[in-house]
Amino acid sequence: MAVPTSMTDEQLKGYMHSQLATAADALGWSVAGGNYDEILIDALLDLGLSAAADETNLRKLRAAARMHVFAAAHRAVDGLVDFRADGASYNMSQLKKGLMNSYTQALADWLEHDPGYAVTVTAVKHKHDPYTADDDANRSEAWH
């Protein structure tokens, strides 16, 4: 299979569906059912695009789609609870935990491409550094 150089909106929805895997089945989501329409819009808005085909960086496009689909799926299971019925046990908290883990990873992947995300490192010098001899002498005088 050749690596694609662009994706249509429908292909991106299919990609989001494939990323949810069995969670999509548990949620009853499908591309044909329109479950990914609003999620696609959210991803495109984050990217400043009107269509998936407008993005040339597929890593960026797919990262945005993954982050949004896992966020939406996680929100969708908010009201679900663990329960037992007819001798069977349904542990919906496992689904929620799995979706949260996937969302966290997808968010980390997306932040690499998010132009609004930045990390700044600044050196901080404390007036009383506990690791210098001068501060130790000053501190001991203050305690007398």
C-alpha atoms as a PDB file:
ATOM      1  CA  MET A   1       0.000   0.000   0.000  1.00  0.00           C
ATOM      2  CA  ALA A   2       1.380   3.379  -0.976  1.00  0.00           C
ATOM      3  CA  VAL A   3       1.434   6.196   1.567  1.00  0.00           C
ATOM      4  CA  PRO A   4      -1.226   8.736   0.582  1.00  0.00           C
ATOM      5  CA  THR A   5      -0.250  12.307  -0.200  1.00  0.00           C
ATOM      6  CA  SER A   6      -3.691  13.727   0.559  1.00  0.00           C
ATOM      7  CA  MET A   7      -6.987  12.682   2.124  1.00  0.00           C
ATOM      8  CA  THR A   8     -10.600  13.544   1.436  1.00  0.00           C
ATOM      9  CA  ASP A   9     -13.018  14.333   4.235  1.00  0.00           C
ATOM     10  CA  GLU A  10     -14.560  10.870   3.851  1.00  0.00           C
ATOM     11  CA  GLN A  11     -11.148   9.189   4.031  1.00  0.00           C
ATOM     12  CA  LEU A  12     -10.328  11.136   7.188  1.00  0.00           C
ATOM     13  CA  LYS A  13     -13.620  10.073   8.770  1.00  0.00           C
ATOM     14  CA  GLY A  14     -12.746   6.473   7.892  1.00  0.00           C
ATOM     15  CA  TYR A  15      -9.339   6.947   9.485  1.00  0.00           C
ATOM     16  CA  MET A  16     -10.940   8.268  12.690  1.00  0.00           C
ATOM     17  CA  HIS A  17     -13.304   5.306  12.735  1.00  0.00           C
ATOM     18  CA  SER A  18     -10.384   2.893  12.354  1.00  0.00           C
ATOM     19  CA  GLN A  19      -8.537   4.562  15.235  1.00  0.00           C
ATOM     20  CA  LEU A  20     -11.436   3.985  17.609  1.00  0.00           C
ATOM     21  CA  ALA A  21     -11.501   0.310  16.573  1.00  0.00           C
ATOM     22  CA  THR A  22     -13.698  -1.691  18.967  1.00  0.00           C
ATOM     23  CA  ALA A  23     -14.640   1.459  20.894  1.00  0.00           C
ATOM     24  CA  ALA A  24     -16.532   2.590  17.769  1.00  0.00           C
ATOM     25  CA  ASP A  25     -18.503  -0.652  17.913  1.00  0.00           C
ATOM     26  CA  ALA A  26     -19.233  -0.170  21.623  1.00  0.00           C
ATOM     27  CA  LEU A  27     -20.446   3.371  20.929  1.00  0.00           C
ATOM     28  CA  GLY A  28     -22.405   2.300  17.854  1.00  0.00           C
ATOM     29  CA  TRP A  29     -20.540   4.831  15.705  1.00  0.00           C
ATOM     30  CA  SER A  30     -20.178   4.614  11.949  1.00  0.00           C
ATOM     31  CA  VAL A  31     -19.034   6.874   9.150  1.00  0.00           C
ATOM     32  CA  ALA A  32     -22.318   6.352   7.290  1.00  0.00           C
ATOM     33  CA  GLY A  33     -24.256   7.237  10.460  1.00  0.00           C
ATOM     34  CA  GLY A  34     -22.644  10.682  10.554  1.00  0.00           C
ATOM     35  CA  ASN A  35     -20.934  10.180  13.892  1.00  0.00           C
ATOM     36  CA  TYR A  36     -17.693  11.704  12.631  1.00  0.00           C
ATOM     37  CA  ASP A  37     -19.126  14.741  10.848  1.00  0.00           C
ATOM     38  CA  GLU A  38     -18.840  17.204  13.755  1.00  0.00           C
ATOM     39  CA  ILE A  39     -15.526  15.730  14.873  1.00  0.00           C
ATOM     40  CA  LEU A  40     -14.155  16.346  11.387  1.00  0.00           C
ATOM     41  CA  ILE A  41     -15.334  19.956  11.544  1.00  0.00           C
ATOM     42  CA  ASP A  42     -13.579  20.453  14.897  1.00  0.00           C
ATOM     43  CA  ALA A  43     -10.315  19.045  13.514  1.00  0.00           C
ATOM     44  CA  LEU A  44     -10.546  21.195  10.378  1.00  0.00           C
ATOM     45  CA  LEU A  45     -11.248  24.305  12.459  1.00  0.00           C
ATOM     46  CA  ASP A  46      -8.149  23.631  14.556  1.00  0.00           C
ATOM     47  CA  LEU A  47      -6.149  23.370  11.363  1.00  0.00           C
ATOM     48  CA  GLY A  48      -7.729  26.452   9.794  1.00  0.00           C
ATOM     49  CA  LEU A  49      -8.979  24.409   6.847  1.00  0.00           C
ATOM     50  CA  SER A  50     -12.279  24.003   5.035  1.00  0.00           C
ATOM     51  CA  ALA A  51     -11.491  20.487   3.759  1.00  0.00           C
ATOM     52  CA  ALA A  52      -9.063  17.713   4.648  1.00  0.00           C
ATOM     53  CA  ALA A  53      -7.647  17.779   1.120  1.00  0.00           C
ATOM     54  CA  ASP A  54      -6.335  21.311   1.792  1.00  0.00           C
ATOM     55  CA  GLU A  55      -3.747  19.974   4.268  1.00  0.00           C
ATOM     56  CA  THR A  56      -0.468  18.821   2.744  1.00  0.00           C
ATOM     57  CA  ASN A  57       1.042  17.634   6.040  1.00  0.00           C
ATOM     58  CA  LEU A  58      -0.745  14.312   6.598  1.00  0.00           C
ATOM     59  CA  ARG A  59       0.947  13.705   9.950  1.00  0.00           C
ATOM     60  CA  LYS A  60      -0.518  16.964  11.196  1.00  0.00           C
ATOM     61  CA  LEU A  61      -3.944  16.211   9.720  1.00  0.00           C
ATOM     62  CA  ARG A  62      -4.083  12.734  11.206  1.00  0.00           C
ATOM     63  CA  ALA A  63      -2.797  13.938  14.592  1.00  0.00           C
ATOM     64  CA  ALA A  64      -5.590  16.531  14.776  1.00  0.00           C
ATOM     65  CA  ALA A  65      -8.167  13.933  13.750  1.00  0.00           C
ATOM     66  CA  ARG A  66      -6.949  11.405  16.366  1.00  0.00           C
ATOM     67  CA  MET A  67      -6.974  13.975  19.133  1.00  0.00           C
ATOM     68  CA  HIS A  68     -10.501  15.119  18.296  1.00  0.00           C
ATOM     69  CA  VAL A  69     -11.971  11.650  17.803  1.00  0.00           C
ATOM     70  CA  PHE A  70     -10.634  10.336  21.116  1.00  0.00           C
ATOM     71  CA  ALA A  71     -11.809  13.489  22.917  1.00  0.00           C
ATOM     72  CA  ALA A  72     -15.291  13.083  21.429  1.00  0.00           C
ATOM     73  CA  ALA A  73     -15.436   9.367  22.238  1.00  0.00           C
ATOM     74  CA  HIS A  74     -14.300  10.046  25.807  1.00  0.00           C
ATOM     75  CA  ARG A  75     -17.068  12.649  26.199  1.00  0.00           C
ATOM     76  CA  ALA A  76     -19.576  10.195  24.728  1.00  0.00           C
ATOM     77  CA  VAL A  77     -18.954   7.650  27.492  1.00  0.00           C
ATOM     78  CA  ASP A  78     -19.166  10.151  30.363  1.00  0.00           C
ATOM     79  CA  GLY A  79     -22.605   8.958  31.430  1.00  0.00           C
ATOM     80  CA  LEU A  80     -21.915   5.246  31.130  1.00  0.00           C
ATOM     81  CA  VAL A  81     -21.461   3.248  34.323  1.00  0.00           C
ATOM     82  CA  ASP A  82     -20.375  -0.272  35.226  1.00  0.00           C
ATOM     83  CA  PHE A  83     -23.288  -2.645  35.760  1.00  0.00           C
ATOM     84  CA  ARG A  84     -24.285  -6.287  35.969  1.00  0.00           C
ATOM     85  CA  ALA A  85     -27.310  -7.782  34.290  1.00  0.00           C
ATOM     86  CA  ASP A  86     -28.471 -11.305  33.517  1.00  0.00           C
ATOM     87  CA  GLY A  87     -25.244 -12.792  34.864  1.00  0.00           C
ATOM     88  CA  ALA A  88     -23.071 -10.575  32.665  1.00  0.00           C
ATOM     89  CA  SER A  89     -20.793  -7.756  33.765  1.00  0.00           C
ATOM     90  CA  TYR A  90     -20.364  -4.546  31.743  1.00  0.00           C
ATOM     91  CA  ASN A  91     -17.324  -2.549  32.798  1.00  0.00           C
ATOM     92  CA  MET A  92     -17.783   0.718  30.989  1.00  0.00           C
ATOM     93  CA  SER A  93     -15.091   2.326  33.156  1.00  0.00           C
ATOM     94  CA  GLN A  94     -12.524   0.230  31.275  1.00  0.00           C
ATOM     95  CA  LEU A  95     -13.701   1.772  28.002  1.00  0.00           C
ATOM     96  CA  LYS A  96     -13.526   5.263  29.505  1.00  0.00           C
ATOM     97  CA  LYS A  97     -10.018   4.639  30.868  1.00  0.00           C
ATOM     98  CA  GLY A  98      -8.813   3.259  27.535  1.00  0.00           C
ATOM     99  CA  LEU A  99     -10.234   6.240  25.657  1.00  0.00           C
ATOM    100  CA  MET A 100      -8.589   8.630  28.110  1.00  0.00           C
ATOM    101  CA  ASN A 101      -5.221   6.938  27.610  1.00  0.00           C
ATOM    102  CA  SER A 102      -5.645   7.128  23.842  1.00  0.00           C
ATOM    103  CA  TYR A 103      -6.708  10.770  24.061  1.00  0.00           C
ATOM    104  CA  THR A 104      -3.668  11.652  26.177  1.00  0.00           C
ATOM    105  CA  GLN A 105      -1.322  10.098  23.614  1.00  0.00           C
ATOM    106  CA  ALA A 106      -3.184  11.695  20.704  1.00  0.00           C
ATOM    107  CA  LEU A 107      -3.040  15.094  22.415  1.00  0.00           C
ATOM    108  CA  ALA A 108       0.729  14.748  22.888  1.00  0.00           C
ATOM    109  CA  ASP A 109       1.067  13.884  19.197  1.00  0.00           C
ATOM    110  CA  TRP A 110      -1.119  16.841  18.188  1.00  0.00           C
ATOM    111  CA  LEU A 111       0.767  19.365  20.340  1.00  0.00           C
ATOM    112  CA  GLU A 112       3.830  18.773  18.174  1.00  0.00           C
ATOM    113  CA  HIS A 113       1.889  20.441  15.339  1.00  0.00           C
ATOM    114  CA  ASP A 114      -0.227  22.967  17.264  1.00  0.00           C
ATOM    115  CA  PRO A 115       1.076  26.464  16.495  1.00  0.00           C
ATOM    116  CA  GLY A 116      -0.414  27.778  19.744  1.00  0.00           C
ATOM    117  CA  TYR A 117       1.601  25.408  21.906  1.00  0.00           C
ATOM    118  CA  ALA A 118       5.028  26.422  23.086  1.00  0.00           C
ATOM    119  CA  VAL A 119       7.342  25.487  25.899  1.00  0.00           C
ATOM    120  CA  THR A 120       9.651  28.100  27.347  1.00  0.00           C
ATOM    121  CA  VAL A 121      12.531  27.259  29.650  1.00  0.00           C
ATOM    122  CA  THR A 122      13.870  30.007  31.861  1.00  0.00           C
ATOM    123  CA  ALA A 123      16.725  29.874  34.342  1.00  0.00           C
ATOM    124  CA  VAL A 124      15.676  30.880  37.846  1.00  0.00           C
ATOM    125  CA  LYS A 125      18.188  32.139  40.378  1.00  0.00           C
ATOM    126  CA  HIS A 126      17.029  32.153  43.973  1.00  0.00           C
ATOM    127  CA  LYS A 127      18.321  34.771  46.366  1.00  0.00           C
ATOM    128  CA  HIS A 128      19.046  32.080  48.939  1.00  0.00           C
ATOM    129  CA  ASP A 129      20.338  29.087  47.041  1.00  0.00           C
ATOM    130  CA  PRO A 130      20.489  26.135  49.459  1.00  0.00           C
ATOM    131  CA  TYR A 131      23.449  24.670  47.575  1.00  0.00           C
ATOM    132  CA  THR A 132      25.922  27.514  47.982  1.00  0.00           C
ATOM    133  CA  ALA A 133      28.209  28.139  50.944  1.00  0.00           C
ATOM    134  CA  ASP A 134      27.373  31.853  51.138  1.00  0.00           C
ATOM    135  CA  ASP A 135      23.685  31.180  51.611  1.00  0.00           C
ATOM    136  CA  ASP A 136      24.439  28.571  54.277  1.00  0.00           C
ATOM    137  CA  ALA A 137      26.415  31.155  56.252  1.00  0.00           C
ATOM    138  CA  ASN A 138      23.667  33.760  55.847  1.00  0.00           C
ATOM    139  CA  ARG A 139      21.009  31.257  56.825  1.00  0.00           C
ATOM    140  CA  SER A 140      22.884  30.147  59.957  1.00  0.00           C
ATOM    141  CA  GLU A 141      23.281  33.771  61.047  1.00  0.00           C
ATOM    142  CA  ALA A 142      19.561  34.300  60.633  1.00  0.00           C
ATOM    143  CA  TRP A 143      18.790  31.370  62.906  1.00  0.00           C
ATOM    144  CA  HIS A 144      20.943  32.608  65.809  1.00  0.00           C
END
